[in-house]
Structure formats: structure tokens, C-alpha cells
Amino acid sequence: QVQLVESGGGLVQAGGSLRLSCAASGVIFRINGMGWYRQAPGKQRELVAVITSSGSTNYADSAKGRFTISRDNAKNTVYLQMNSLKPEDTAVYYCNAEVVGPLFKPYDYWGQGTQVTVSS
């Protein structure tokens, strides 16, 4: 069984910064893509940023220029540095990872979510 544990959410004023972390643990052979998604109240979950195992990244338009996704493969951890935060960034942020385990099949895992609240 694989677990993704997020940390780093909280309350911040507009213009501030936060850094989210997500660590994967369990029986892991390899982690392919990792990413961050968010869900605001009354809205669907949406992509924020993703990163491949080789470090290629892709961002939602709303995140470009303000957010940076990175990962530490040795620690099975993905990060999201969020700068110049806006009230519209307020949401629950979820970590996602495609993990290859001992059966050598990829499975999709989600973290429990961490709340980010940006006050105006």
C-alpha cells in the first residue's frame, strides 16, 4: 500500500508565499508522474502542475509564472512553491502520483488534501 502525505498548507495574505510538500511512502518500485491539483468550494478539481520522473513540467495557465513544481526522487517527494498568492488560489490542494509497485503495474494515488486559504 502506498500513502501520499501532504504538508505546508495554511492561511496567508494575498501576495504571500507557501510551499507544499507531498511525500510518498510504502512499497514503491518507481514513481512516474507526480502533480498537484486543487478544488475550490463548489468547483471541480483542477490541475495545477505536473512533473515527470525526468523533470519535465506542465502548469495550468493560472499557475504559470507564480508556482513552481519540483521533486526529489530520492525522497519520493514532490513540492509546490507558490508565490504571489491570490484569493482565488484558495482551495484544497491534492497531491497525485502514479506509482509502480512490486507487481510492476502503475497505480494512481491521491493525498488527503491540504487547505490553502489566501486572504485579501
Protein backbone atom coordinates (compact mmCIF):
# COMPACT_ATOMS: atom_id res chain seq x y z
CA GLN A 1 0.00 0.00 0.00
CA VAL A 2 1.22 3.48 -0.85
CA GLN A 3 0.43 6.64 1.06
CA LEU A 4 0.84 10.26 -0.01
CA VAL A 5 1.12 12.72 2.87
CA GLU A 6 0.85 16.43 2.16
CA SER A 7 2.00 19.30 4.33
CA GLY A 8 2.57 23.03 4.12
CA GLY A 9 -0.90 24.43 3.67
CA GLY A 10 -2.25 27.27 5.74
CA LEU A 11 -3.53 30.83 5.82
CA VAL A 12 -1.59 33.54 4.03
CA GLN A 13 -2.26 37.08 2.91
CA ALA A 14 -2.56 37.97 -0.75
CA GLY A 15 0.89 38.37 -2.26
CA GLY A 16 2.42 35.90 0.14
CA SER A 17 4.02 32.53 -0.43
CA LEU A 18 3.56 28.94 0.66
CA ARG A 19 5.44 25.74 -0.07
CA LEU A 20 3.55 22.48 -0.22
CA SER A 21 5.23 19.11 0.17
CA CYS A 22 3.97 15.63 -0.56
CA ALA A 23 5.89 12.52 0.45
CA ALA A 24 5.09 9.06 -0.87
CA SER A 25 5.73 6.04 1.30
CA GLY A 26 5.16 2.31 1.06
CA VAL A 27 6.33 -0.37 -1.32
CA ILE A 28 7.48 1.71 -4.29
CA PHE A 29 9.43 0.47 -7.26
CA ARG A 30 9.21 3.69 -9.24
CA ILE A 31 7.14 6.87 -9.34
CA ASN A 32 6.23 8.16 -12.76
CA GLY A 33 4.37 11.46 -12.93
CA MET A 34 3.59 13.49 -9.84
CA GLY A 35 1.37 16.50 -9.60
CA TRP A 36 -0.75 18.94 -7.70
CA TYR A 37 -4.46 19.54 -8.18
CA ARG A 38 -6.85 21.81 -6.32
CA GLN A 39 -10.53 22.01 -5.60
CA ALA A 40 -12.27 25.17 -4.52
CA PRO A 41 -15.71 25.10 -2.87
CA GLY A 42 -18.42 24.42 -5.42
CA LYS A 43 -15.91 23.76 -8.20
CA GLN A 44 -14.41 20.71 -9.85
CA ARG A 45 -10.92 19.53 -9.07
CA GLU A 46 -8.44 21.08 -11.49
CA LEU A 47 -4.84 20.57 -12.48
CA VAL A 48 -2.30 22.98 -11.02
CA ALA A 49 1.04 21.49 -12.11
CA VAL A 50 2.58 18.15 -13.01
CA ILE A 51 6.15 16.88 -13.27
CA THR A 52 7.52 13.76 -14.92
CA SER A 53 10.17 11.49 -13.46
CA SER A 54 12.76 13.21 -15.65
CA GLY A 55 11.71 16.68 -14.50
CA SER A 56 9.57 17.94 -17.36
CA THR A 57 6.82 20.20 -16.07
CA ASN A 58 3.43 21.47 -17.14
CA TYR A 59 1.36 24.19 -15.49
CA ALA A 60 -2.17 25.45 -15.58
CA ASP A 61 -2.37 28.94 -17.04
CA SER A 62 -3.38 30.27 -13.62
CA ALA A 63 -0.16 28.90 -12.10
CA LYS A 64 2.35 29.93 -14.77
CA GLY A 65 4.89 32.44 -13.56
CA ARG A 66 3.81 32.17 -9.92
CA PHE A 67 4.05 28.48 -8.97
CA THR A 68 6.98 26.10 -9.33
CA ILE A 69 6.71 22.33 -9.10
CA SER A 70 9.76 20.23 -8.28
CA ARG A 71 10.56 16.77 -6.99
CA ASP A 72 13.21 14.86 -5.10
CA ASN A 73 13.23 11.35 -6.50
CA ALA A 74 15.49 10.06 -3.73
CA LYS A 75 12.89 11.14 -1.17
CA ASN A 76 9.81 10.27 -3.27
CA THR A 77 8.65 13.81 -2.62
CA VAL A 78 7.06 16.49 -4.77
CA TYR A 79 6.92 20.18 -3.89
CA LEU A 80 4.86 23.15 -4.98
CA GLN A 81 6.31 26.58 -4.34
CA MET A 82 3.51 29.13 -4.58
CA ASN A 83 4.36 32.81 -4.81
CA SER A 84 2.26 35.94 -5.34
CA LEU A 85 -0.77 34.13 -3.99
CA LYS A 86 -4.22 35.46 -4.78
CA PRO A 87 -7.56 34.94 -3.02
CA GLU A 88 -8.68 32.87 -5.99
CA ASP A 89 -5.94 30.36 -5.17
CA THR A 90 -7.91 29.40 -2.08
CA ALA A 91 -8.70 25.69 -2.32
CA VAL A 92 -7.87 22.25 -1.01
CA TYR A 93 -4.68 21.15 -2.74
CA TYR A 94 -4.23 17.46 -3.53
CA CYS A 95 -1.08 15.59 -4.38
CA ASN A 96 -1.21 12.89 -7.05
CA ALA A 97 1.33 10.26 -8.06
CA GLU A 98 1.46 7.38 -10.49
CA VAL A 99 3.30 4.69 -8.58
CA VAL A 100 4.73 1.43 -9.86
CA GLY A 101 4.81 -1.19 -7.11
CA PRO A 102 6.09 -4.76 -6.81
CA LEU A 103 3.61 -6.01 -9.44
CA PHE A 104 5.15 -3.57 -11.94
CA LYS A 105 1.78 -2.05 -12.76
CA PRO A 106 1.18 1.71 -12.39
CA TYR A 107 -1.49 2.84 -9.96
CA ASP A 108 -2.82 6.31 -9.29
CA TYR A 109 -2.70 7.56 -5.70
CA TRP A 110 -4.03 10.73 -4.06
CA GLY A 111 -3.15 12.51 -0.87
CA GLN A 112 -5.71 13.55 1.70
CA GLY A 113 -5.53 17.22 0.72
CA THR A 114 -4.20 20.32 2.43
CA GLN A 115 -6.13 23.57 2.78
CA VAL A 116 -4.68 26.77 1.34
CA THR A 117 -6.51 29.96 2.24
CA VAL A 118 -5.45 33.33 0.82
CA SER A 119 -6.96 36.39 2.46
CA SER A 120 -7.40 39.67 0.64
